[in-house]
Amino acid sequence: MKQARKQLREHRISAALRILLVVVLLALNIAAVVLLTAFLRTNSAVIFLVLQAAGVIAAINIQSKSDSASYKLVWTLLIVSLPVAGLILYLLWSGSIQDKRLTLQTGIPAPDSAIDRGRSQDNLERLGTAMPHWKRTAALLGQRNFRLFRSTDVTYFPGGREFFEEVIARMEKAERFIFMEFFILAEGKLWDQIMAALESKARQGVEIKVIFDDFGSITRMSGDMISRMKNAGIEVAVFNPVHQYVNRLYFNYRDHRKIIAVDGQYAYTGGVNVADEYAGYIRRFGEWKDCGILLDGMGAWGLTARFIHMWEMLGNKLHNEHDYYRPYEEMRGSGWCQPFSDGPVNNPDNPAEDVFLQCIHNAHDYIWLTTPYFAVEDGVVRALCMAADSGVDVRLMLPGIPDHKYTDIVAGSYYETLLSHGVNIYRFKPGFLHAKSFVADGEVAMVGTINMD
């Protein structure tokens, strides 16, 4: 026990030093820009004036882009208030849409086929007949190549403990492959159970691949454990190491997904990470409330395909062709499901916000949302207010005990406006609400990893 604590302490010190290195390098970047600006102002007035003019042009160009209003406002204010320094920082850190794609091999298409597209279109027509007012939302995602599925059983898990008990039991039955992609992998009681299942299956020849985000796991997953996984035959990919892109401020581009795919037939997602607080083994910020879902059937391919796409964009290979990883049995689920993803790769397109807005506008009776963080564009606030003004029962539930005080302050800045229009706001008093969920009219629901920020 003492040795384990010593190793954990040493790992956290190492992780802290890595983060400190990033902070120091960022500070040096800023200091160099400030010193260069001062030097030009004093010793090269012509160049300084040219850069000032270029800053004005850059600010005008930023306003003409299709990025979010908050993104444009921040950069414009910085450049207008500090024309030369702001321009240099913009050139260093903002990057173009192409630059923002890190080292991901974005030319690789997501797994798809003519059959997928045809079935999705057929399902869209059936949805249009059964629930015509929700067809538009599915069509919107379909235009972004997210397929609509039927023949899928969906199971909802109201807590992390139940979710991971099901996941581990499913892993222990795996015969072909296990894929995992998480923002946080943390050593502890929960990870020990998962690792035991993965090692056992690796010995049996099951193909196992794991993606985790470096920043999310940096203080909680040791190099020794990563080596142990690799030595067991588990393939591991680390998303965006925090020190790799400091000169262009890419370390804030994270992989926030939570996906587990087993044998093609089963796929899981939700707000949960692999850490003891999510399963209730330890208490952080009071009771930790989360949720997740299982897709059993054709819809599982939507999540499996997202994992495969990320794995290949990271430059890795699969053992088999894409079709090997598809579901093998159609279920009798009576509804529809449409897994989708969002992130910097598809900037400035924002399917998550678009889906939120369409669902809010389509709702007739009620809209109930849970989110740990609420920091949205004005369009989302207006949509919620308009829905409430129209007689829709709009309810927003947020944490009672926040994990970050400043995010709670930001969320609170919206309260007066929302409440004045009849939006009901609730706090989860027992502790921290980490679930990201949305339900409207008892007909459409969303559970996943996307916060409302």
Protein backbone atom coordinates (compact mmCIF):
# COMPACT_ATOMS: atom_id res chain seq x y z
CA MET A 1 0.00 0.00 0.00
CA LYS A 2 2.81 2.42 0.92
CA GLN A 3 4.61 1.61 -2.34
CA ALA A 4 1.45 2.26 -4.36
CA ARG A 5 0.93 5.61 -2.62
CA LYS A 6 4.55 6.54 -3.26
CA GLN A 7 4.21 5.69 -6.96
CA LEU A 8 0.98 7.69 -7.20
CA ARG A 9 2.64 10.68 -5.50
CA GLU A 10 5.62 10.48 -7.84
CA HIS A 11 3.32 10.27 -10.86
CA ARG A 12 1.35 13.32 -9.77
CA ILE A 13 4.55 15.28 -9.24
CA SER A 14 5.69 14.30 -12.73
CA ALA A 15 2.32 15.31 -14.20
CA ALA A 16 2.41 18.62 -12.33
CA LEU A 17 5.87 19.33 -13.74
CA ARG A 18 4.60 18.64 -17.28
CA ILE A 19 1.72 21.06 -16.79
CA LEU A 20 4.09 23.63 -15.22
CA LEU A 21 6.35 23.33 -18.27
CA VAL A 22 3.41 24.13 -20.53
CA VAL A 23 2.46 27.16 -18.40
CA VAL A 24 6.05 28.43 -18.41
CA LEU A 25 6.34 28.07 -22.17
CA LEU A 26 3.05 29.92 -22.65
CA ALA A 27 4.25 32.70 -20.36
CA LEU A 28 7.49 32.93 -22.35
CA ASN A 29 5.45 33.19 -25.56
CA ILE A 30 3.45 36.09 -24.16
CA ALA A 31 6.54 37.79 -22.72
CA ALA A 32 8.33 37.52 -26.07
CA VAL A 33 5.36 39.14 -27.84
CA VAL A 34 5.19 42.00 -25.32
CA LEU A 35 8.95 42.62 -25.55
CA LEU A 36 8.86 42.52 -29.35
CA THR A 37 5.99 45.01 -29.38
CA ALA A 38 7.87 47.38 -27.07
CA PHE A 39 11.01 47.06 -29.19
CA LEU A 40 9.18 47.86 -32.41
CA ARG A 41 7.39 50.83 -30.86
CA THR A 42 10.74 52.29 -29.77
CA ASN A 43 13.08 51.33 -32.60
CA SER A 44 10.97 50.79 -35.73
CA ALA A 45 8.01 53.09 -35.92
CA VAL A 46 7.30 52.21 -39.55
CA ILE A 47 7.00 48.47 -38.88
CA PHE A 48 4.94 49.21 -35.77
CA LEU A 49 2.49 51.33 -37.77
CA VAL A 50 2.27 48.67 -40.48
CA LEU A 51 1.43 46.05 -37.85
CA GLN A 52 -1.16 48.37 -36.33
CA ALA A 53 -2.82 48.71 -39.72
CA ALA A 54 -2.60 44.94 -40.21
CA GLY A 55 -4.28 44.52 -36.83
CA VAL A 56 -7.25 46.63 -37.93
CA ILE A 57 -7.55 44.56 -41.12
CA ALA A 58 -7.33 41.34 -39.10
CA ALA A 59 -10.09 42.55 -36.76
CA ILE A 60 -12.35 43.31 -39.72
CA ASN A 61 -11.51 39.91 -41.23
CA ILE A 62 -12.36 38.14 -37.97
CA GLN A 63 -15.81 39.73 -37.93
CA SER A 64 -16.46 38.45 -41.45
CA LYS A 65 -15.81 34.83 -40.45
CA SER A 66 -18.48 32.30 -39.57
CA ASP A 67 -17.03 31.49 -36.13
CA SER A 68 -19.08 31.93 -32.95
CA ALA A 69 -19.85 35.44 -31.71
CA SER A 70 -17.90 34.93 -28.48
CA TYR A 71 -14.79 33.76 -30.39
CA LYS A 72 -14.91 36.79 -32.67
CA LEU A 73 -15.57 39.19 -29.79
CA VAL A 74 -12.58 38.04 -27.73
CA TRP A 75 -10.07 38.26 -30.59
CA THR A 76 -11.46 41.56 -31.88
CA LEU A 77 -11.27 43.21 -28.44
CA LEU A 78 -7.72 41.95 -27.94
CA ILE A 79 -6.54 43.23 -31.31
CA VAL A 80 -8.33 46.59 -31.00
CA SER A 81 -7.02 47.23 -27.49
CA LEU A 82 -3.48 45.95 -28.22
CA PRO A 83 -3.16 46.17 -32.01
CA VAL A 84 0.38 44.83 -32.42
CA ALA A 85 0.58 42.37 -29.52
CA GLY A 86 -2.97 41.20 -30.19
CA LEU A 87 -2.23 40.62 -33.86
CA ILE A 88 0.91 38.61 -33.10
CA LEU A 89 -0.93 36.48 -30.52
CA TYR A 90 -3.75 35.94 -33.01
CA LEU A 91 -1.28 34.76 -35.65
CA LEU A 92 0.43 32.50 -33.12
CA TRP A 93 -2.58 31.00 -31.41
CA SER A 94 -5.75 31.31 -33.44
CA GLY A 95 -4.62 29.37 -36.47
CA SER A 96 -6.76 28.49 -39.45
CA ILE A 97 -9.36 25.76 -39.52
CA GLN A 98 -6.83 23.51 -41.20
CA ASP A 99 -4.18 24.25 -38.56
CA LYS A 100 -6.62 23.51 -35.77
CA ARG A 101 -6.74 19.89 -36.81
CA LEU A 102 -3.52 19.07 -34.97
CA THR A 103 -1.79 16.00 -36.37
CA LEU A 104 -5.06 14.21 -37.06
CA GLN A 105 -5.17 12.67 -40.51
CA THR A 106 -8.43 14.38 -41.40
CA GLY A 107 -8.40 13.18 -44.99
CA ILE A 108 -9.50 9.77 -43.73
CA PRO A 109 -13.29 9.44 -44.14
CA ALA A 110 -15.48 8.08 -41.36
CA PRO A 111 -16.59 4.47 -41.94
CA ASP A 112 -19.65 4.60 -44.18
CA SER A 113 -21.16 2.82 -47.17
CA ALA A 114 -23.88 3.17 -49.79
CA ILE A 115 -25.91 0.63 -47.83
CA ASP A 116 -25.61 2.77 -44.67
CA ARG A 117 -26.77 5.83 -46.55
CA GLY A 118 -29.68 3.99 -48.15
CA ARG A 119 -30.91 2.49 -44.88
CA SER A 120 -30.57 5.83 -43.14
CA GLN A 121 -32.67 7.52 -45.83
CA ASP A 122 -35.32 4.80 -45.57
CA ASN A 123 -35.41 5.26 -41.80
CA LEU A 124 -35.72 9.01 -42.27
CA GLU A 125 -38.81 8.55 -44.45
CA ARG A 126 -40.37 6.22 -41.87
CA LEU A 127 -39.63 8.74 -39.12
CA GLY A 128 -41.25 11.44 -41.23
CA THR A 129 -44.43 9.38 -41.37
CA ALA A 130 -44.47 8.49 -37.67
CA MET A 131 -43.23 11.79 -36.16
CA PRO A 132 -43.01 14.39 -38.94
CA HIS A 133 -41.99 17.29 -36.68
CA TRP A 134 -38.82 15.42 -35.61
CA LYS A 135 -37.79 14.49 -39.14
CA ARG A 136 -36.02 17.81 -39.63
CA THR A 137 -33.62 17.16 -36.75
CA ALA A 138 -32.69 13.74 -38.09
CA ALA A 139 -32.32 15.18 -41.60
CA LEU A 140 -30.02 17.89 -40.24
CA LEU A 141 -27.69 15.28 -38.76
CA GLY A 142 -28.00 13.14 -41.87
CA GLN A 143 -26.62 16.02 -43.94
CA ARG A 144 -23.53 15.82 -41.70
CA ASN A 145 -23.18 12.08 -42.42
CA PHE A 146 -24.57 10.86 -39.09
CA ARG A 147 -26.80 7.91 -39.95
CA LEU A 148 -30.26 7.22 -38.56
CA PHE A 149 -30.76 3.68 -37.24
CA ARG A 150 -33.61 1.41 -36.19
CA SER A 151 -33.51 -2.23 -34.97
CA THR A 152 -31.80 -1.11 -31.76
CA ASP A 153 -32.63 -1.68 -28.12
CA VAL A 154 -31.69 1.28 -25.91
CA THR A 155 -31.05 0.92 -22.16
CA TYR A 156 -30.73 3.97 -19.91
CA PHE A 157 -28.56 3.85 -16.78
CA PRO A 158 -29.40 6.53 -14.19
CA GLY A 159 -26.08 6.22 -12.37
CA GLY A 160 -22.43 5.47 -12.95
CA ARG A 161 -22.34 2.37 -10.71
CA GLU A 162 -25.05 0.59 -12.73
CA PHE A 163 -23.46 1.71 -15.97
CA PHE A 164 -20.03 0.29 -15.22
CA GLU A 165 -21.38 -2.93 -13.71
CA GLU A 166 -23.07 -3.59 -17.06
CA VAL A 167 -19.96 -2.54 -19.03
CA ILE A 168 -17.62 -4.83 -17.10
CA ALA A 169 -20.02 -7.77 -17.40
CA ARG A 170 -20.20 -7.18 -21.15
CA MET A 171 -16.41 -6.95 -21.44
CA GLU A 172 -16.04 -10.29 -19.70
CA LYS A 173 -18.20 -11.84 -22.44
CA ALA A 174 -16.38 -10.18 -25.36
CA GLU A 175 -15.32 -12.50 -28.17
CA ARG A 176 -13.96 -10.24 -30.94
CA PHE A 177 -13.02 -6.73 -29.79
CA ILE A 178 -13.29 -4.08 -27.09
CA PHE A 179 -12.81 -0.40 -27.97
CA MET A 180 -12.60 2.35 -25.32
CA GLU A 181 -12.31 6.12 -25.76
CA PHE A 182 -12.40 8.43 -22.71
CA PHE A 183 -11.44 11.89 -21.55
CA ILE A 184 -10.38 10.55 -18.14
CA LEU A 185 -8.87 7.19 -17.27
CA ALA A 186 -8.02 7.18 -13.57
CA GLU A 187 -6.34 4.41 -11.63
CA GLY A 188 -8.41 3.18 -8.71
CA LYS A 189 -10.99 0.57 -7.75
CA LEU A 190 -13.05 0.98 -10.93
CA TRP A 191 -10.02 0.89 -13.21
CA ASP A 192 -8.68 -2.24 -11.46
CA GLN A 193 -11.91 -4.06 -12.35
CA ILE A 194 -11.80 -2.89 -15.96
CA MET A 195 -8.10 -3.64 -16.31
CA ALA A 196 -8.61 -7.18 -15.00
CA ALA A 197 -11.29 -7.76 -17.64
CA LEU A 198 -9.13 -6.26 -20.41
CA GLU A 199 -6.07 -8.31 -19.50
CA SER A 200 -8.11 -11.49 -19.35
CA LYS A 201 -9.63 -10.86 -22.77
CA ALA A 202 -6.29 -9.85 -24.28
CA ARG A 203 -4.88 -13.23 -23.24
CA GLN A 204 -7.78 -14.85 -25.10
CA GLY A 205 -6.89 -12.98 -28.31
CA VAL A 206 -9.63 -10.33 -28.19
CA GLU A 207 -8.63 -7.15 -30.04
CA ILE A 208 -8.48 -4.31 -27.51
CA LYS A 209 -7.87 -0.64 -28.30
CA VAL A 210 -7.90 2.30 -25.90
CA ILE A 211 -7.84 6.05 -26.61
CA PHE A 212 -7.59 8.52 -23.76
CA ASP A 213 -7.02 12.24 -23.52
CA ASP A 214 -3.65 13.26 -22.13
CA PHE A 215 -4.81 16.35 -20.26
CA GLY A 216 -7.85 14.65 -18.75
CA SER A 217 -5.78 11.72 -17.48
CA ILE A 218 -2.40 13.35 -16.90
CA THR A 219 -2.48 13.24 -13.10
CA ARG A 220 -4.47 10.02 -12.81
CA MET A 221 -3.01 7.47 -15.24
CA SER A 222 0.64 6.56 -14.72
CA GLY A 223 3.23 5.68 -17.31
CA ASP A 224 3.66 2.34 -15.55
CA MET A 225 0.00 1.51 -16.11
CA ILE A 226 0.22 2.49 -19.77
CA SER A 227 3.23 0.19 -20.13
CA ARG A 228 1.31 -2.57 -18.39
CA MET A 229 -1.53 -2.20 -20.88
CA LYS A 230 0.82 -2.36 -23.83
CA ASN A 231 2.67 -5.36 -22.39
CA ALA A 232 -0.68 -7.14 -22.02
CA GLY A 233 -1.36 -6.69 -25.74
CA ILE A 234 -3.70 -3.72 -25.36
CA GLU A 235 -3.19 -1.06 -28.02
CA VAL A 236 -3.11 2.46 -26.57
CA ALA A 237 -3.34 5.90 -28.22
CA VAL A 238 -2.93 9.15 -26.29
CA PHE A 239 -4.86 12.11 -27.70
CA ASN A 240 -3.00 15.43 -28.01
CA PRO A 241 -0.16 15.34 -25.42
CA VAL A 242 -0.28 18.65 -23.55
CA HIS A 243 3.30 19.63 -24.35
CA GLN A 244 3.17 18.96 -28.09
CA TYR A 245 1.42 22.07 -29.43
CA VAL A 246 2.24 24.79 -26.90
CA ASN A 247 3.47 27.21 -29.56
CA ARG A 248 -0.03 27.26 -31.12
CA LEU A 249 -2.14 26.82 -27.97
CA TYR A 250 -3.47 23.45 -29.10
CA PHE A 251 -3.25 21.85 -25.66
CA ASN A 252 -6.81 23.07 -24.97
CA TYR A 253 -8.12 20.86 -27.80
CA ARG A 254 -9.26 17.77 -25.96
CA ASP A 255 -11.00 14.47 -26.67
CA HIS A 256 -14.04 14.62 -24.40
CA ARG A 257 -15.79 11.55 -25.80
CA LYS A 258 -16.80 8.52 -23.74
CA ILE A 259 -17.30 5.44 -25.93
CA ILE A 260 -17.13 1.73 -25.24
CA ALA A 261 -17.84 -0.67 -28.12
CA VAL A 262 -17.92 -4.44 -27.67
CA ASP A 263 -18.12 -6.99 -30.49
CA GLY A 264 -19.96 -4.57 -32.79
CA GLN A 265 -23.32 -5.41 -31.22
CA TYR A 266 -23.02 -3.26 -28.10
CA ALA A 267 -21.93 0.35 -27.64
CA TYR A 268 -22.07 2.61 -24.60
CA THR A 269 -21.81 6.34 -24.05
CA GLY A 270 -22.81 8.94 -21.48
CA GLY A 271 -21.32 11.54 -19.19
CA VAL A 272 -19.24 9.07 -17.20
CA ASN A 273 -15.46 8.83 -17.16
CA VAL A 274 -13.44 5.90 -15.84
CA ALA A 275 -12.78 7.20 -12.34
CA ASP A 276 -13.93 6.11 -8.91
CA GLU A 277 -16.15 9.15 -8.25
CA TYR A 278 -18.26 8.29 -11.31
CA ALA A 279 -19.06 4.86 -9.88
CA GLY A 280 -19.65 6.17 -6.37
CA TYR A 281 -16.58 4.50 -4.87
CA ILE A 282 -15.38 7.84 -3.53
CA ARG A 283 -17.21 11.09 -2.80
CA ARG A 284 -16.24 14.31 -4.56
CA PHE A 285 -18.43 17.39 -4.35
CA GLY A 286 -21.07 15.42 -2.48
CA GLU A 287 -22.97 12.77 -4.43
CA TRP A 288 -21.71 12.47 -8.02
CA LYS A 289 -24.71 12.05 -10.36
CA ASP A 290 -24.22 10.85 -13.90
CA CYS A 291 -25.93 8.69 -16.51
CA GLY A 292 -25.28 6.61 -19.61
CA ILE A 293 -26.89 4.47 -22.29
CA LEU A 294 -26.36 1.14 -24.04
CA LEU A 295 -27.15 0.68 -27.73
CA ASP A 296 -27.76 -2.97 -28.59
CA GLY A 297 -28.20 -3.56 -32.31
CA MET A 298 -27.71 -1.60 -35.53
CA GLY A 299 -27.33 1.75 -33.76
CA ALA A 300 -24.17 0.53 -32.02
CA TRP A 301 -22.39 1.01 -35.33
CA GLY A 302 -22.84 4.79 -35.00
CA LEU A 303 -20.59 4.84 -31.92
CA THR A 304 -18.20 2.12 -33.09
CA ALA A 305 -17.67 4.04 -36.34
CA ARG A 306 -16.85 7.22 -34.38
CA PHE A 307 -14.16 5.33 -32.46
CA ILE A 308 -12.72 3.77 -35.62
CA HIS A 309 -12.59 7.18 -37.29
CA MET A 310 -10.65 8.71 -34.39
CA TRP A 311 -8.33 5.69 -34.18
CA GLU A 312 -7.46 5.99 -37.86
CA MET A 313 -7.13 9.79 -37.74
CA LEU A 314 -4.54 9.31 -35.00
CA GLY A 315 -2.52 7.29 -37.52
CA ASN A 316 -3.32 3.82 -36.21
CA LYS A 317 -4.43 0.67 -37.99
CA LEU A 318 -7.19 -1.87 -37.46
CA HIS A 319 -6.70 -5.62 -37.54
CA ASN A 320 -9.58 -6.12 -39.97
CA GLU A 321 -11.74 -4.33 -42.53
CA HIS A 322 -14.40 -1.93 -41.24
CA ASP A 323 -17.26 -4.35 -41.88
CA TYR A 324 -15.78 -6.81 -39.37
CA TYR A 325 -16.71 -4.40 -36.57
CA ARG A 326 -20.38 -4.00 -37.51
CA PRO A 327 -23.35 -5.37 -35.52
CA TYR A 328 -24.34 -8.93 -36.33
CA GLU A 329 -27.93 -9.02 -35.05
CA GLU A 330 -30.92 -6.73 -35.58
CA MET A 331 -33.01 -6.09 -32.50
CA ARG A 332 -36.72 -5.29 -32.25
CA GLY A 333 -36.38 -1.77 -30.90
CA SER A 334 -39.38 0.30 -31.95
CA GLY A 335 -37.71 3.70 -32.02
CA TRP A 336 -34.87 5.42 -33.84
CA CYS A 337 -31.36 6.38 -32.73
CA GLN A 338 -28.79 8.65 -34.35
CA PRO A 339 -25.33 8.82 -32.71
CA PHE A 340 -23.38 11.97 -33.59
CA SER A 341 -20.24 13.80 -32.52
CA ASP A 342 -18.91 17.34 -32.43
CA GLY A 343 -15.56 19.03 -31.91
CA PRO A 344 -12.82 21.24 -33.38
CA VAL A 345 -12.37 19.03 -36.45
CA ASN A 346 -15.72 20.17 -37.85
CA ASN A 347 -15.35 23.90 -36.97
CA PRO A 348 -17.10 26.19 -37.69
CA ASP A 349 -19.94 23.70 -38.13
CA ASN A 350 -21.55 22.94 -34.77
CA PRO A 351 -24.00 20.02 -34.97
CA ALA A 352 -24.45 19.81 -31.19
CA GLU A 353 -25.73 23.36 -30.84
CA ASP A 354 -27.81 22.97 -33.99
CA VAL A 355 -29.49 19.86 -32.58
CA PHE A 356 -30.19 21.62 -29.26
CA LEU A 357 -31.79 24.53 -31.09
CA GLN A 358 -33.92 22.35 -33.36
CA CYS A 359 -35.16 20.24 -30.46
CA ILE A 360 -36.04 23.34 -28.46
CA HIS A 361 -37.95 24.84 -31.40
CA ASN A 362 -39.75 21.54 -32.16
CA ALA A 363 -40.95 20.86 -28.62
CA HIS A 364 -44.66 21.36 -27.94
CA ASP A 365 -45.17 20.29 -24.32
CA TYR A 366 -41.91 20.19 -22.35
CA ILE A 367 -38.11 20.42 -22.54
CA TRP A 368 -36.09 19.11 -19.61
CA LEU A 369 -32.31 19.47 -19.59
CA THR A 370 -29.49 18.48 -17.26
CA THR A 371 -25.95 19.80 -17.64
CA PRO A 372 -22.99 20.36 -15.30
CA TYR A 373 -22.05 23.60 -17.06
CA PHE A 374 -24.24 26.22 -18.69
CA ALA A 375 -22.37 28.80 -20.78
CA VAL A 376 -24.14 29.13 -24.11
CA GLU A 377 -24.47 31.54 -27.01
CA ASP A 378 -27.31 34.07 -26.97
CA GLY A 379 -29.21 32.03 -29.55
CA VAL A 380 -29.69 29.13 -27.14
CA VAL A 381 -30.88 31.45 -24.35
CA ARG A 382 -33.36 33.12 -26.71
CA ALA A 383 -34.64 29.74 -27.89
CA LEU A 384 -35.27 28.56 -24.31
CA CYS A 385 -36.99 31.83 -23.44
CA MET A 386 -39.16 31.71 -26.56
CA ALA A 387 -40.17 28.13 -25.78
CA ALA A 388 -41.15 29.08 -22.22
CA ASP A 389 -43.04 32.14 -23.49
CA SER A 390 -44.92 29.82 -25.85
CA GLY A 391 -46.19 27.70 -22.98
CA VAL A 392 -43.61 24.92 -23.14
CA ASP A 393 -42.53 23.57 -19.75
CA VAL A 394 -38.79 24.36 -19.79
CA ARG A 395 -36.71 22.96 -16.92
CA LEU A 396 -32.95 23.27 -16.48
CA MET A 397 -31.15 21.27 -13.78
CA LEU A 398 -27.62 22.19 -12.69
CA PRO A 399 -25.25 21.00 -9.94
CA GLY A 400 -25.99 21.86 -6.34
CA ILE A 401 -22.29 21.60 -5.51
CA PRO A 402 -20.23 22.77 -8.53
CA ASP A 403 -16.77 21.39 -9.23
CA HIS A 404 -15.58 24.82 -10.43
CA LYS A 405 -16.84 28.01 -8.77
CA TYR A 406 -16.27 30.18 -11.83
CA THR A 407 -18.45 27.95 -14.05
CA ASP A 408 -21.23 28.25 -11.48
CA ILE A 409 -20.88 32.02 -11.58
CA VAL A 410 -21.12 31.97 -15.38
CA ALA A 411 -24.25 29.80 -15.23
CA GLY A 412 -25.74 32.16 -12.66
CA SER A 413 -25.36 35.10 -15.05
CA TYR A 414 -28.18 33.63 -17.17
CA TYR A 415 -30.65 33.05 -14.32
CA GLU A 416 -32.38 36.42 -14.29
CA THR A 417 -33.15 36.34 -18.01
CA LEU A 418 -34.29 32.71 -18.02
CA LEU A 419 -36.44 33.03 -14.89
CA SER A 420 -38.11 36.20 -16.17
CA HIS A 421 -39.41 34.21 -19.15
CA GLY A 422 -40.70 31.32 -17.05
CA VAL A 423 -37.80 28.86 -17.39
CA ASN A 424 -37.64 26.70 -14.25
CA ILE A 425 -34.12 26.25 -12.85
CA TYR A 426 -33.28 23.49 -10.37
CA ARG A 427 -30.16 22.56 -8.44
CA PHE A 428 -29.17 18.97 -7.65
CA LYS A 429 -28.81 19.50 -3.90
CA PRO A 430 -27.07 16.20 -2.98
CA GLY A 431 -23.95 17.16 -4.92
CA PHE A 432 -22.44 17.43 -8.38
CA LEU A 433 -24.64 16.74 -11.40
CA HIS A 434 -22.40 15.63 -14.28
CA ALA A 435 -25.13 14.11 -16.49
CA LYS A 436 -25.68 15.63 -19.92
CA SER A 437 -29.23 14.83 -20.98
CA PHE A 438 -32.19 16.29 -22.83
CA VAL A 439 -35.75 15.07 -23.20
CA ALA A 440 -38.64 16.69 -25.06
CA ASP A 441 -42.31 15.75 -25.20
CA GLY A 442 -41.62 12.13 -24.24
CA GLU A 443 -40.60 11.55 -27.86
CA VAL A 444 -36.97 12.56 -28.28
CA ALA A 445 -34.03 12.38 -25.89
CA MET A 446 -30.29 12.89 -25.97
CA VAL A 447 -27.72 11.38 -23.61
CA GLY A 448 -24.02 11.82 -24.17
CA THR A 449 -20.83 13.71 -23.43
CA ILE A 450 -21.69 17.21 -24.68
CA ASN A 451 -21.96 19.94 -22.06
CA MET A 452 -24.04 23.05 -22.69
CA ASP A 453 -21.00 25.32 -22.94
